[in-house]
């Protein structure tokens, strides 16, 4: 059985200690946790809002994986501020 991080990696998402990386077909996006203002979970989608009007929409194949990503990002933000 795959770990959550391995499953997320299959969809181009890597959780690091200070940022997460989202790889898409045409680009790679690195989002520092310090720049995240709001994170939203909506069914199988995680929406990350950063300092300005920027937002990153990450659609995943099922709600469980979206919830896992949401929780991993929240935990990483908490660790950064401790």
Foldseek 3Di string as FASTA:
>chain_A
DDDLQVVVVVQQWHDDLFWIWRDDPPDIDIGGLVFWDDWDQDFQWIWTQGDDRDIDIDGDPGRVSSVVVVVSSVVSNVVVVD
